[in-house]
Every structure is written in C-alpha cells, then in structure tokens.
Amino acid sequence: MSENKPQRIHRYFWPAIFLLVFLCVPYLFMGSSEPRYFGLPAWFYVTLIATILITAFSIHKIWRRWY
C-alpha cells in the first residue's frame, strides 16, 4: 500500500501545479479591480494564495519525494 502513495502524489503533482500557475495570472479578473478587500483587489489574494501553494507543494515534493 505504501508503494502506491508516491505514485499517487506524483500523478496529481503536475496537474495541481499547472492549475495553480493558471490562478497566479489573474485571467478571471481582467478589466476589473472589484471587489476589494482591505483596500486590495480580490485577484491579489487569489494570486498570493496560489503562489504560496505552489511553493508549499514544491517544497514538499523536494523534501519528501526527491529520488
């Protein structure tokens, strides 16, 4: 069972990174700076969270699964 775990993580790693990179560029918010939260546009928070998740997934992959 434990032998399947690295394969499962590897299978979902690159699609997850691709999705997060897509979210880093604010395509969904083009031409709009609304809504705003704490004075910053919503796309800023989406980009920030996606960037942090890319970093976390990459660090996890390097520390735990580097062969």
C-alpha atoms as a PDB file:
ATOM      1  CA  MET A   1       0.000   0.000   0.000  1.00  0.00           C
ATOM      2  CA  SER A   2       2.783   2.431   0.827  1.00  0.00           C
ATOM      3  CA  GLU A   3       4.330   1.809  -2.606  1.00  0.00           C
ATOM      4  CA  ASN A   4       1.231   3.296  -4.285  1.00  0.00           C
ATOM      5  CA  LYS A   5       1.414   6.522  -2.307  1.00  0.00           C
ATOM      6  CA  PRO A   6       4.413   8.093  -4.122  1.00  0.00           C
ATOM      7  CA  GLN A   7       2.837   7.263  -7.493  1.00  0.00           C
ATOM      8  CA  ARG A   8      -0.468   8.845  -6.482  1.00  0.00           C
ATOM      9  CA  ILE A   9       1.258  12.019  -5.288  1.00  0.00           C
ATOM     10  CA  HIS A  10       3.356  12.180  -8.458  1.00  0.00           C
ATOM     11  CA  ARG A  11       0.259  11.710 -10.639  1.00  0.00           C
ATOM     12  CA  TYR A  12      -1.515  14.732  -9.111  1.00  0.00           C
ATOM     13  CA  PHE A  13       1.516  16.968  -8.618  1.00  0.00           C
ATOM     14  CA  TRP A  14       1.899  18.400 -12.137  1.00  0.00           C
ATOM     15  CA  PRO A  15      -1.819  18.986 -12.823  1.00  0.00           C
ATOM     16  CA  ALA A  16      -2.055  20.785  -9.464  1.00  0.00           C
ATOM     17  CA  ILE A  17       0.973  22.944 -10.300  1.00  0.00           C
ATOM     18  CA  PHE A  18      -0.498  23.753 -13.726  1.00  0.00           C
ATOM     19  CA  LEU A  19      -3.815  24.810 -12.163  1.00  0.00           C
ATOM     20  CA  LEU A  20      -2.079  26.970  -9.566  1.00  0.00           C
ATOM     21  CA  VAL A  21       0.110  28.651 -12.199  1.00  0.00           C
ATOM     22  CA  PHE A  22      -3.068  29.431 -14.144  1.00  0.00           C
ATOM     23  CA  LEU A  23      -4.528  31.004 -10.990  1.00  0.00           C
ATOM     24  CA  CYS A  24      -1.361  33.071 -10.442  1.00  0.00           C
ATOM     25  CA  VAL A  25      -2.182  35.114 -13.527  1.00  0.00           C
ATOM     26  CA  PRO A  26      -5.451  36.969 -12.875  1.00  0.00           C
ATOM     27  CA  TYR A  27      -7.248  35.975 -16.103  1.00  0.00           C
ATOM     28  CA  LEU A  28     -10.565  35.710 -14.300  1.00  0.00           C
ATOM     29  CA  PHE A  29     -10.350  39.315 -13.130  1.00  0.00           C
ATOM     30  CA  MET A  30      -9.236  41.004 -16.367  1.00  0.00           C
ATOM     31  CA  GLY A  31     -10.561  44.532 -16.729  1.00  0.00           C
ATOM     32  CA  SER A  32     -11.826  44.702 -13.172  1.00  0.00           C
ATOM     33  CA  SER A  33     -10.362  45.715  -9.859  1.00  0.00           C
ATOM     34  CA  GLU A  34     -13.518  44.936  -7.937  1.00  0.00           C
ATOM     35  CA  PRO A  35     -14.318  43.535  -5.420  1.00  0.00           C
ATOM     36  CA  ARG A  36     -11.807  44.956  -2.987  1.00  0.00           C
ATOM     37  CA  TYR A  37     -10.939  43.586   0.440  1.00  0.00           C
ATOM     38  CA  PHE A  38      -8.879  45.677   2.850  1.00  0.00           C
ATOM     39  CA  GLY A  39      -8.075  48.061   0.018  1.00  0.00           C
ATOM     40  CA  LEU A  40      -6.618  45.415  -2.313  1.00  0.00           C
ATOM     41  CA  PRO A  41      -8.356  43.770  -5.276  1.00  0.00           C
ATOM     42  CA  ALA A  42      -9.548  40.171  -4.933  1.00  0.00           C
ATOM     43  CA  TRP A  43      -7.172  38.941  -7.647  1.00  0.00           C
ATOM     44  CA  PHE A  44      -4.244  39.903  -5.415  1.00  0.00           C
ATOM     45  CA  TYR A  45      -5.389  37.425  -2.753  1.00  0.00           C
ATOM     46  CA  VAL A  46      -6.059  34.673  -5.312  1.00  0.00           C
ATOM     47  CA  THR A  47      -2.573  35.158  -6.763  1.00  0.00           C
ATOM     48  CA  LEU A  48      -0.937  35.274  -3.340  1.00  0.00           C
ATOM     49  CA  ILE A  49      -2.623  32.067  -2.149  1.00  0.00           C
ATOM     50  CA  ALA A  50      -1.819  30.225  -5.404  1.00  0.00           C
ATOM     51  CA  THR A  51       1.833  31.300  -5.180  1.00  0.00           C
ATOM     52  CA  ILE A  52       2.104  30.124  -1.581  1.00  0.00           C
ATOM     53  CA  LEU A  53       0.546  26.770  -2.509  1.00  0.00           C
ATOM     54  CA  ILE A  54       2.956  26.292  -5.431  1.00  0.00           C
ATOM     55  CA  THR A  55       5.826  26.933  -3.047  1.00  0.00           C
ATOM     56  CA  ALA A  56       4.446  24.538  -0.439  1.00  0.00           C
ATOM     57  CA  PHE A  57       3.819  21.737  -2.967  1.00  0.00           C
ATOM     58  CA  SER A  58       7.284  22.177  -4.453  1.00  0.00           C
ATOM     59  CA  ILE A  59       8.987  22.120  -1.054  1.00  0.00           C
ATOM     60  CA  HIS A  60       7.002  19.026  -0.071  1.00  0.00           C
ATOM     61  CA  LYS A  61       7.948  17.289  -3.313  1.00  0.00           C
ATOM     62  CA  ILE A  62      11.637  18.132  -2.920  1.00  0.00           C
ATOM     63  CA  TRP A  63      11.916  17.264   0.786  1.00  0.00           C
ATOM     64  CA  ARG A  64       9.821  14.098   0.798  1.00  0.00           C
ATOM     65  CA  ARG A  65       9.934  12.614  -2.673  1.00  0.00           C
ATOM     66  CA  TRP A  66      13.272  13.581  -4.206  1.00  0.00           C
ATOM     67  CA  TYR A  67      14.943  10.482  -5.612  1.00  0.00           C
END
